Amino acid sequence: LIGCEVKIMVLSIQHFTNRDFEEIPDRANQLLNLLPSSELQNLLIYTERIILPAKKTIHKPYKAIEKIYFPIRGIISLLNISQEGLVAESAAVSNEGIIGIAGFLGGNTASNWAIAQTECIALSLPINILRREFARGGELQQILFLYSQALLAQISQNVLCSCHHTLEQRLARWLIFYSDRLSTKKLFLTQETLADLLGVRRTSLTVMAGDLRKRKLIDYSRGRILIENPVALRKVACQCDRTISDEYIRLLNL
């Protein structure tokens, strides 16, 4: 897909105030929060706090990674896109993670796209600085190794989910996951966007969303989905997010 222009749709435009940008602490990123103060300061003197607008392409497949990003607020999707333009989300990263693990694991390029699903606040860091600090060993190296394992576990669980769980379970799980990460019951997205992220036909998603609506679990209008009964929706969802969360807790105590 090098040189290919791909149309990416996002779920929500989440705007932050100047107060949000200035006052949310760096340690709101849970990986940074695990670092001892001395190692954290060695990174922070080289970081830049930025806003990544929704739809922003952060990394492209097989392009050298020049910066990594520690999200503080918002969601970034790792997307796989076929030559035909078919899209599926392999993982979602929020303030529990880092974007650009290939940059310090040795490959220097990734095979997927990293695209901001919402407006995000993040700390950017030149990859050469992270590699230098990573090579020192210490807590940073261990944390990043463990996070990489946790991210692979998320991707693996997502594969199992897409193969063996019903669309109803997957849709409910996806809505709860994103609602929790964004701390809102209202998601601004079209069914076309949602079908893309789940890797299913729009007609199939429309039928399933209509069923959830009849049961008063969600409501929707053009470009908006409202979660009306999150407790009941969680009961519909598969347990994949619980499995993923347990692995993050086991590895990183997040």
C-alpha atoms as a PDB file:
ATOM      1  CA  LEU A   1       0.000   0.000   0.000  1.00  0.00           C
ATOM      2  CA  ILE A   2       3.003   2.313  -0.288  1.00  0.00           C
ATOM      3  CA  GLY A   3       1.930   5.424  -2.153  1.00  0.00           C
ATOM      4  CA  CYS A   4      -1.716   4.395  -1.994  1.00  0.00           C
ATOM      5  CA  GLU A   5      -4.284   6.965  -0.902  1.00  0.00           C
ATOM      6  CA  VAL A   6      -6.741   5.393   1.514  1.00  0.00           C
ATOM      7  CA  LYS A   7      -9.971   6.978   2.686  1.00  0.00           C
ATOM      8  CA  ILE A   8     -10.155   6.646   6.462  1.00  0.00           C
ATOM      9  CA  MET A   9     -13.289   7.435   8.419  1.00  0.00           C
ATOM     10  CA  VAL A  10     -13.189   8.199  12.127  1.00  0.00           C
ATOM     11  CA  LEU A  11     -15.678   7.714  14.886  1.00  0.00           C
ATOM     12  CA  SER A  12     -15.670  11.006  16.728  1.00  0.00           C
ATOM     13  CA  ILE A  13     -14.357  14.522  16.705  1.00  0.00           C
ATOM     14  CA  GLN A  14     -13.444  15.141  20.343  1.00  0.00           C
ATOM     15  CA  HIS A  15     -12.190  18.665  20.938  1.00  0.00           C
ATOM     16  CA  PHE A  16     -10.054  19.531  23.942  1.00  0.00           C
ATOM     17  CA  THR A  17      -9.974  22.875  25.703  1.00  0.00           C
ATOM     18  CA  ASN A  18      -6.748  24.760  26.392  1.00  0.00           C
ATOM     19  CA  ARG A  19      -7.213  23.802  30.025  1.00  0.00           C
ATOM     20  CA  ASP A  20      -7.336  20.097  29.104  1.00  0.00           C
ATOM     21  CA  PHE A  21      -4.182  20.466  27.042  1.00  0.00           C
ATOM     22  CA  GLU A  22      -2.254  22.235  29.771  1.00  0.00           C
ATOM     23  CA  GLU A  23      -3.481  20.533  32.938  1.00  0.00           C
ATOM     24  CA  ILE A  24      -3.679  16.810  32.128  1.00  0.00           C
ATOM     25  CA  PRO A  25      -0.468  15.423  33.667  1.00  0.00           C
ATOM     26  CA  ASP A  26       2.167  13.557  31.659  1.00  0.00           C
ATOM     27  CA  ARG A  27       1.692  10.583  33.958  1.00  0.00           C
ATOM     28  CA  ALA A  28      -1.881  10.278  32.670  1.00  0.00           C
ATOM     29  CA  ASN A  29      -0.211   7.965  30.180  1.00  0.00           C
ATOM     30  CA  GLN A  30      -0.106   4.774  32.202  1.00  0.00           C
ATOM     31  CA  LEU A  31       3.216   3.556  30.817  1.00  0.00           C
ATOM     32  CA  LEU A  32       4.930   6.801  31.746  1.00  0.00           C
ATOM     33  CA  ASN A  33       3.296   6.579  35.150  1.00  0.00           C
ATOM     34  CA  LEU A  34       5.125   3.297  35.756  1.00  0.00           C
ATOM     35  CA  LEU A  35       8.542   4.882  35.284  1.00  0.00           C
ATOM     36  CA  PRO A  36      10.727   6.025  38.188  1.00  0.00           C
ATOM     37  CA  SER A  37      11.026   9.811  38.311  1.00  0.00           C
ATOM     38  CA  SER A  38      14.631   9.803  37.096  1.00  0.00           C
ATOM     39  CA  GLU A  39      13.873   7.752  33.968  1.00  0.00           C
ATOM     40  CA  LEU A  40      10.721   9.742  33.284  1.00  0.00           C
ATOM     41  CA  GLN A  41      12.609  13.034  33.379  1.00  0.00           C
ATOM     42  CA  ASN A  42      15.214  11.656  30.966  1.00  0.00           C
ATOM     43  CA  LEU A  43      12.378  11.247  28.465  1.00  0.00           C
ATOM     44  CA  LEU A  44      10.296  14.323  29.208  1.00  0.00           C
ATOM     45  CA  ILE A  45      13.061  16.818  28.452  1.00  0.00           C
ATOM     46  CA  TYR A  46      12.874  15.641  24.826  1.00  0.00           C
ATOM     47  CA  THR A  47       9.104  15.277  24.467  1.00  0.00           C
ATOM     48  CA  GLU A  48       6.645  17.678  22.904  1.00  0.00           C
ATOM     49  CA  ARG A  49       3.021  17.824  23.990  1.00  0.00           C
ATOM     50  CA  ILE A  50       0.828  18.001  20.906  1.00  0.00           C
ATOM     51  CA  ILE A  51      -2.743  17.633  19.728  1.00  0.00           C
ATOM     52  CA  LEU A  52      -3.305  15.028  17.035  1.00  0.00           C
ATOM     53  CA  PRO A  53      -6.448  15.938  15.089  1.00  0.00           C
ATOM     54  CA  ALA A  54      -8.975  13.257  14.250  1.00  0.00           C
ATOM     55  CA  LYS A  55      -8.132  11.525  10.943  1.00  0.00           C
ATOM     56  CA  LYS A  56      -4.430  12.281  11.440  1.00  0.00           C
ATOM     57  CA  THR A  57      -2.229   9.555   9.958  1.00  0.00           C
ATOM     58  CA  ILE A  58       0.526   8.952  12.486  1.00  0.00           C
ATOM     59  CA  HIS A  59       2.370   6.061  10.854  1.00  0.00           C
ATOM     60  CA  LYS A  60       2.033   4.498   7.407  1.00  0.00           C
ATOM     61  CA  PRO A  61       2.895   0.901   6.499  1.00  0.00           C
ATOM     62  CA  TYR A  62       6.556   0.276   5.703  1.00  0.00           C
ATOM     63  CA  LYS A  63       7.552   3.895   6.261  1.00  0.00           C
ATOM     64  CA  ALA A  64      10.390   4.594   8.692  1.00  0.00           C
ATOM     65  CA  ILE A  65       9.131   5.581  12.140  1.00  0.00           C
ATOM     66  CA  GLU A  66      10.651   8.907  13.145  1.00  0.00           C
ATOM     67  CA  LYS A  67       8.631   9.615  16.285  1.00  0.00           C
ATOM     68  CA  ILE A  68       6.735   7.616  18.849  1.00  0.00           C
ATOM     69  CA  TYR A  69       3.663   8.858  20.700  1.00  0.00           C
ATOM     70  CA  PHE A  70       2.432   8.394  24.241  1.00  0.00           C
ATOM     71  CA  PRO A  71      -1.334   9.149  24.136  1.00  0.00           C
ATOM     72  CA  ILE A  72      -2.692  11.015  27.149  1.00  0.00           C
ATOM     73  CA  ARG A  73      -6.312  11.378  25.990  1.00  0.00           C
ATOM     74  CA  GLY A  74      -8.167  10.051  22.960  1.00  0.00           C
ATOM     75  CA  ILE A  75      -7.967   6.885  20.860  1.00  0.00           C
ATOM     76  CA  ILE A  76      -5.623   5.823  18.068  1.00  0.00           C
ATOM     77  CA  SER A  77      -6.480   2.853  15.848  1.00  0.00           C
ATOM     78  CA  LEU A  78      -4.077   0.362  14.339  1.00  0.00           C
ATOM     79  CA  LEU A  79      -5.669  -0.499  11.018  1.00  0.00           C
ATOM     80  CA  ASN A  80      -5.029  -3.124   8.403  1.00  0.00           C
ATOM     81  CA  ILE A  81      -6.118  -2.122   4.909  1.00  0.00           C
ATOM     82  CA  SER A  82      -6.177  -4.431   1.903  1.00  0.00           C
ATOM     83  CA  GLN A  83      -5.215  -3.573  -1.660  1.00  0.00           C
ATOM     84  CA  GLU A  84      -8.960  -3.373  -2.383  1.00  0.00           C
ATOM     85  CA  GLY A  85      -9.389  -0.755   0.340  1.00  0.00           C
ATOM     86  CA  LEU A  86     -11.056  -3.074   2.864  1.00  0.00           C
ATOM     87  CA  VAL A  87     -10.440  -1.929   6.440  1.00  0.00           C
ATOM     88  CA  ALA A  88     -10.269  -3.724   9.792  1.00  0.00           C
ATOM     89  CA  GLU A  89      -9.090  -2.463  13.140  1.00  0.00           C
ATOM     90  CA  SER A  90      -6.483  -4.775  14.674  1.00  0.00           C
ATOM     91  CA  ALA A  91      -6.078  -2.843  17.939  1.00  0.00           C
ATOM     92  CA  ALA A  92      -6.968   0.426  19.639  1.00  0.00           C
ATOM     93  CA  VAL A  93      -4.532   2.365  21.801  1.00  0.00           C
ATOM     94  CA  SER A  94      -5.435   4.958  24.398  1.00  0.00           C
ATOM     95  CA  ASN A  95      -3.578   6.278  27.435  1.00  0.00           C
ATOM     96  CA  GLU A  96      -2.510   2.759  28.428  1.00  0.00           C
ATOM     97  CA  GLY A  97      -0.016   2.519  25.588  1.00  0.00           C
ATOM     98  CA  ILE A  98       2.421   3.829  23.036  1.00  0.00           C
ATOM     99  CA  ILE A  99       2.284   4.196  19.255  1.00  0.00           C
ATOM    100  CA  GLY A 100       5.306   3.068  17.251  1.00  0.00           C
ATOM    101  CA  ILE A 101       6.636  -0.086  18.931  1.00  0.00           C
ATOM    102  CA  ALA A 102       8.358  -1.194  15.697  1.00  0.00           C
ATOM    103  CA  GLY A 103      10.671   1.780  16.106  1.00  0.00           C
ATOM    104  CA  PHE A 104      12.374   0.305  19.162  1.00  0.00           C
ATOM    105  CA  LEU A 105      11.873  -3.423  18.554  1.00  0.00           C
ATOM    106  CA  GLY A 106      14.257  -3.371  15.601  1.00  0.00           C
ATOM    107  CA  GLY A 107      12.080  -3.450  12.498  1.00  0.00           C
ATOM    108  CA  ASN A 108      11.702   0.359  12.303  1.00  0.00           C
ATOM    109  CA  THR A 109       8.582   0.024  10.142  1.00  0.00           C
ATOM    110  CA  ALA A 110       5.136  -1.414  10.856  1.00  0.00           C
ATOM    111  CA  SER A 111       2.810  -3.252   8.485  1.00  0.00           C
ATOM    112  CA  ASN A 112      -0.300  -1.337   9.566  1.00  0.00           C
ATOM    113  CA  TRP A 113      -1.604   2.200   9.687  1.00  0.00           C
ATOM    114  CA  ALA A 114      -1.815   4.197  12.917  1.00  0.00           C
ATOM    115  CA  ILE A 115      -4.589   6.793  12.663  1.00  0.00           C
ATOM    116  CA  ALA A 116      -6.150   9.039  15.300  1.00  0.00           C
ATOM    117  CA  GLN A 117      -9.786   8.032  15.751  1.00  0.00           C
ATOM    118  CA  THR A 118     -10.510  11.102  17.857  1.00  0.00           C
ATOM    119  CA  GLU A 119      -8.675  14.277  18.572  1.00  0.00           C
ATOM    120  CA  CYS A 120      -5.844  13.163  20.871  1.00  0.00           C
ATOM    121  CA  ILE A 121      -3.462  14.773  23.319  1.00  0.00           C
ATOM    122  CA  ALA A 122      -0.113  12.985  23.169  1.00  0.00           C
ATOM    123  CA  LEU A 123       3.558  13.330  23.974  1.00  0.00           C
ATOM    124  CA  SER A 124       5.766  12.887  20.917  1.00  0.00           C
ATOM    125  CA  LEU A 125       9.368  11.745  21.242  1.00  0.00           C
ATOM    126  CA  PRO A 126      12.049  11.354  18.532  1.00  0.00           C
ATOM    127  CA  ILE A 127      12.686   7.671  17.956  1.00  0.00           C
ATOM    128  CA  ASN A 128      16.458   8.049  18.324  1.00  0.00           C
ATOM    129  CA  ILE A 129      15.979   9.355  21.879  1.00  0.00           C
ATOM    130  CA  LEU A 130      13.718   6.442  22.799  1.00  0.00           C
ATOM    131  CA  ARG A 131      16.171   3.950  21.317  1.00  0.00           C
ATOM    132  CA  ARG A 132      18.988   5.472  23.337  1.00  0.00           C
ATOM    133  CA  GLU A 133      17.048   5.319  26.588  1.00  0.00           C
ATOM    134  CA  PHE A 134      15.709   1.869  25.733  1.00  0.00           C
ATOM    135  CA  ALA A 135      19.267   0.589  25.216  1.00  0.00           C
ATOM    136  CA  ARG A 136      20.203   1.676  28.741  1.00  0.00           C
ATOM    137  CA  GLY A 137      17.981  -1.087  30.089  1.00  0.00           C
ATOM    138  CA  GLY A 138      16.273  -0.259  33.345  1.00  0.00           C
ATOM    139  CA  GLU A 139      12.546   0.086  33.937  1.00  0.00           C
ATOM    140  CA  LEU A 140      11.796   1.713  30.578  1.00  0.00           C
ATOM    141  CA  GLN A 141      13.076  -1.256  28.603  1.00  0.00           C
ATOM    142  CA  GLN A 142      11.183  -3.742  30.749  1.00  0.00           C
ATOM    143  CA  ILE A 143       7.941  -1.738  30.587  1.00  0.00           C
ATOM    144  CA  LEU A 144       8.100  -1.410  26.801  1.00  0.00           C
ATOM    145  CA  PHE A 145       8.813  -5.120  26.357  1.00  0.00           C
ATOM    146  CA  LEU A 146       5.854  -6.002  28.563  1.00  0.00           C
ATOM    147  CA  TYR A 147       3.610  -3.500  26.797  1.00  0.00           C
ATOM    148  CA  SER A 148       4.558  -4.987  23.415  1.00  0.00           C
ATOM    149  CA  GLN A 149       3.532  -8.403  24.721  1.00  0.00           C
ATOM    150  CA  ALA A 150       0.233  -6.981  25.995  1.00  0.00           C
ATOM    151  CA  LEU A 151      -0.463  -5.303  22.642  1.00  0.00           C
ATOM    152  CA  LEU A 152       0.193  -8.576  20.805  1.00  0.00           C
ATOM    153  CA  ALA A 153      -2.234 -10.260  23.191  1.00  0.00           C
ATOM    154  CA  GLN A 154      -4.864  -7.644  22.296  1.00  0.00           C
ATOM    155  CA  ILE A 155      -4.341  -8.206  18.576  1.00  0.00           C
ATOM    156  CA  SER A 156      -4.494 -11.996  19.013  1.00  0.00           C
ATOM    157  CA  GLN A 157      -7.691 -11.778  21.040  1.00  0.00           C
ATOM    158  CA  ASN A 158      -9.220  -9.505  18.417  1.00  0.00           C
ATOM    159  CA  VAL A 159      -8.493 -12.139  15.754  1.00  0.00           C
ATOM    160  CA  LEU A 160     -10.225 -14.808  17.832  1.00  0.00           C
ATOM    161  CA  CYS A 161     -13.143 -12.453  18.439  1.00  0.00           C
ATOM    162  CA  SER A 162     -13.644 -11.660  14.761  1.00  0.00           C
ATOM    163  CA  CYS A 163     -13.549 -15.355  13.854  1.00  0.00           C
ATOM    164  CA  HIS A 164     -15.714 -16.902  16.551  1.00  0.00           C
ATOM    165  CA  HIS A 165     -17.995 -14.344  18.166  1.00  0.00           C
ATOM    166  CA  THR A 166     -21.256 -13.106  16.739  1.00  0.00           C
ATOM    167  CA  LEU A 167     -21.623  -9.673  15.226  1.00  0.00           C
ATOM    168  CA  GLU A 168     -23.972  -8.776  18.069  1.00  0.00           C
ATOM    169  CA  GLN A 169     -21.298  -9.621  20.644  1.00  0.00           C
ATOM    170  CA  ARG A 170     -18.594  -7.800  18.715  1.00  0.00           C
ATOM    171  CA  LEU A 171     -20.702  -4.684  18.159  1.00  0.00           C
ATOM    172  CA  ALA A 172     -21.675  -4.480  21.824  1.00  0.00           C
ATOM    173  CA  ARG A 173     -18.065  -5.015  22.875  1.00  0.00           C
ATOM    174  CA  TRP A 174     -16.782  -2.336  20.509  1.00  0.00           C
ATOM    175  CA  LEU A 175     -19.328   0.260  21.674  1.00  0.00           C
ATOM    176  CA  ILE A 176     -18.572  -0.392  25.355  1.00  0.00           C
ATOM    177  CA  PHE A 177     -14.811  -0.299  24.784  1.00  0.00           C
ATOM    178  CA  TYR A 178     -14.874   3.048  23.010  1.00  0.00           C
ATOM    179  CA  SER A 179     -17.460   4.509  25.375  1.00  0.00           C
ATOM    180  CA  ASP A 180     -15.284   3.617  28.357  1.00  0.00           C
ATOM    181  CA  ARG A 181     -12.131   5.070  26.790  1.00  0.00           C
ATOM    182  CA  LEU A 182     -13.858   8.322  25.826  1.00  0.00           C
ATOM    183  CA  SER A 183     -15.934   8.568  29.034  1.00  0.00           C
ATOM    184  CA  THR A 184     -19.122   9.222  27.099  1.00  0.00           C
ATOM    185  CA  LYS A 185     -22.270   7.376  26.119  1.00  0.00           C
ATOM    186  CA  LYS A 186     -22.549   9.347  22.892  1.00  0.00           C
ATOM    187  CA  LEU A 187     -20.384   8.385  19.918  1.00  0.00           C
ATOM    188  CA  PHE A 188     -20.376  10.447  16.755  1.00  0.00           C
ATOM    189  CA  LEU A 189     -19.986   8.053  13.853  1.00  0.00           C
ATOM    190  CA  THR A 190     -21.841   6.629  10.907  1.00  0.00           C
ATOM    191  CA  GLN A 191     -22.772   2.989  10.531  1.00  0.00           C
ATOM    192  CA  GLU A 192     -20.484   2.918   7.512  1.00  0.00           C
ATOM    193  CA  THR A 193     -17.533   3.895   9.699  1.00  0.00           C
ATOM    194  CA  LEU A 194     -18.461   1.329  12.330  1.00  0.00           C
ATOM    195  CA  ALA A 195     -18.838  -1.406   9.713  1.00  0.00           C
ATOM    196  CA  ASP A 196     -15.368  -0.556   8.410  1.00  0.00           C
ATOM    197  CA  LEU A 197     -13.767  -0.785  11.840  1.00  0.00           C
ATOM    198  CA  LEU A 198     -15.445  -4.111  12.557  1.00  0.00           C
ATOM    199  CA  GLY A 199     -14.639  -5.422   9.080  1.00  0.00           C
ATOM    200  CA  VAL A 200     -18.249  -6.346   8.205  1.00  0.00           C
ATOM    201  CA  ARG A 201     -20.821  -5.383   5.580  1.00  0.00           C
ATOM    202  CA  ARG A 202     -22.790  -2.266   6.303  1.00  0.00           C
ATOM    203  CA  THR A 203     -26.099  -4.079   5.673  1.00  0.00           C
ATOM    204  CA  SER A 204     -25.255  -6.677   8.333  1.00  0.00           C
ATOM    205  CA  LEU A 205     -24.335  -3.989  10.827  1.00  0.00           C
ATOM    206  CA  THR A 206     -27.522  -2.035  10.111  1.00  0.00           C
ATOM    207  CA  VAL A 207     -29.657  -5.077  10.917  1.00  0.00           C
ATOM    208  CA  MET A 208     -27.811  -5.738  14.157  1.00  0.00           C
ATOM    209  CA  ALA A 209     -27.856  -2.089  15.259  1.00  0.00           C
ATOM    210  CA  GLY A 210     -31.595  -2.041  14.571  1.00  0.00           C
ATOM    211  CA  ASP A 211     -32.071  -5.042  16.833  1.00  0.00           C
ATOM    212  CA  LEU A 212     -30.135  -3.409  19.681  1.00  0.00           C
ATOM    213  CA  ARG A 213     -32.233  -0.303  19.187  1.00  0.00           C
ATOM    214  CA  LYS A 214     -35.494  -2.241  19.446  1.00  0.00           C
ATOM    215  CA  ARG A 215     -34.270  -3.674  22.744  1.00  0.00           C
ATOM    216  CA  LYS A 216     -33.529  -0.094  23.919  1.00  0.00           C
ATOM    217  CA  LEU A 217     -29.830  -0.791  24.440  1.00  0.00           C
ATOM    218  CA  ILE A 218     -28.778   1.913  22.001  1.00  0.00           C
ATOM    219  CA  ASP A 219     -30.362   4.667  19.965  1.00  0.00           C
ATOM    220  CA  TYR A 220     -29.012   6.274  16.841  1.00  0.00           C
ATOM    221  CA  SER A 221     -29.657   8.936  14.281  1.00  0.00           C
ATOM    222  CA  ARG A 222     -27.556  10.130  11.384  1.00  0.00           C
ATOM    223  CA  GLY A 223     -23.928  10.206  12.494  1.00  0.00           C
ATOM    224  CA  ARG A 224     -24.623   9.517  16.186  1.00  0.00           C
ATOM    225  CA  ILE A 225     -24.965   6.458  18.414  1.00  0.00           C
ATOM    226  CA  LEU A 226     -26.169   6.797  22.002  1.00  0.00           C
ATOM    227  CA  ILE A 227     -25.670   3.987  24.497  1.00  0.00           C
ATOM    228  CA  GLU A 228     -28.921   3.985  26.457  1.00  0.00           C
ATOM    229  CA  ASN A 229     -28.348   0.955  28.679  1.00  0.00           C
ATOM    230  CA  PRO A 230     -24.631   0.267  29.194  1.00  0.00           C
ATOM    231  CA  VAL A 231     -25.246  -2.404  31.852  1.00  0.00           C
ATOM    232  CA  ALA A 232     -27.421  -4.479  29.526  1.00  0.00           C
ATOM    233  CA  LEU A 233     -25.081  -3.838  26.606  1.00  0.00           C
ATOM    234  CA  ARG A 234     -22.143  -5.226  28.612  1.00  0.00           C
ATOM    235  CA  LYS A 235     -24.112  -8.443  29.127  1.00  0.00           C
ATOM    236  CA  VAL A 236     -24.517  -8.778  25.367  1.00  0.00           C
ATOM    237  CA  ALA A 237     -20.823  -8.171  24.662  1.00  0.00           C
ATOM    238  CA  CYS A 238     -18.334 -11.024  24.561  1.00  0.00           C
ATOM    239  CA  GLN A 239     -15.690 -11.275  27.273  1.00  0.00           C
ATOM    240  CA  CYS A 240     -12.731 -10.428  25.023  1.00  0.00           C
ATOM    241  CA  ASP A 241     -12.141  -7.027  26.607  1.00  0.00           C
ATOM    242  CA  ARG A 242     -12.046  -8.670  30.026  1.00  0.00           C
ATOM    243  CA  THR A 243      -9.468 -11.138  28.729  1.00  0.00           C
ATOM    244  CA  ILE A 244      -7.375  -8.312  27.283  1.00  0.00           C
ATOM    245  CA  SER A 245      -7.650  -6.235  30.456  1.00  0.00           C
ATOM    246  CA  ASP A 246      -6.574  -9.211  32.554  1.00  0.00           C
ATOM    247  CA  GLU A 247      -3.440  -9.541  30.439  1.00  0.00           C
ATOM    248  CA  TYR A 248      -2.591  -5.844  30.832  1.00  0.00           C
ATOM    249  CA  ILE A 249      -3.056  -6.249  34.587  1.00  0.00           C
ATOM    250  CA  ARG A 250      -0.936  -9.403  34.681  1.00  0.00           C
ATOM    251  CA  LEU A 251       1.916  -7.858  32.721  1.00  0.00           C
ATOM    252  CA  LEU A 252       1.826  -4.203  33.749  1.00  0.00           C
ATOM    253  CA  ASN A 253      -0.674  -3.944  36.606  1.00  0.00           C
ATOM    254  CA  LEU A 254      -2.673  -1.408  34.554  1.00  0.00           C
END
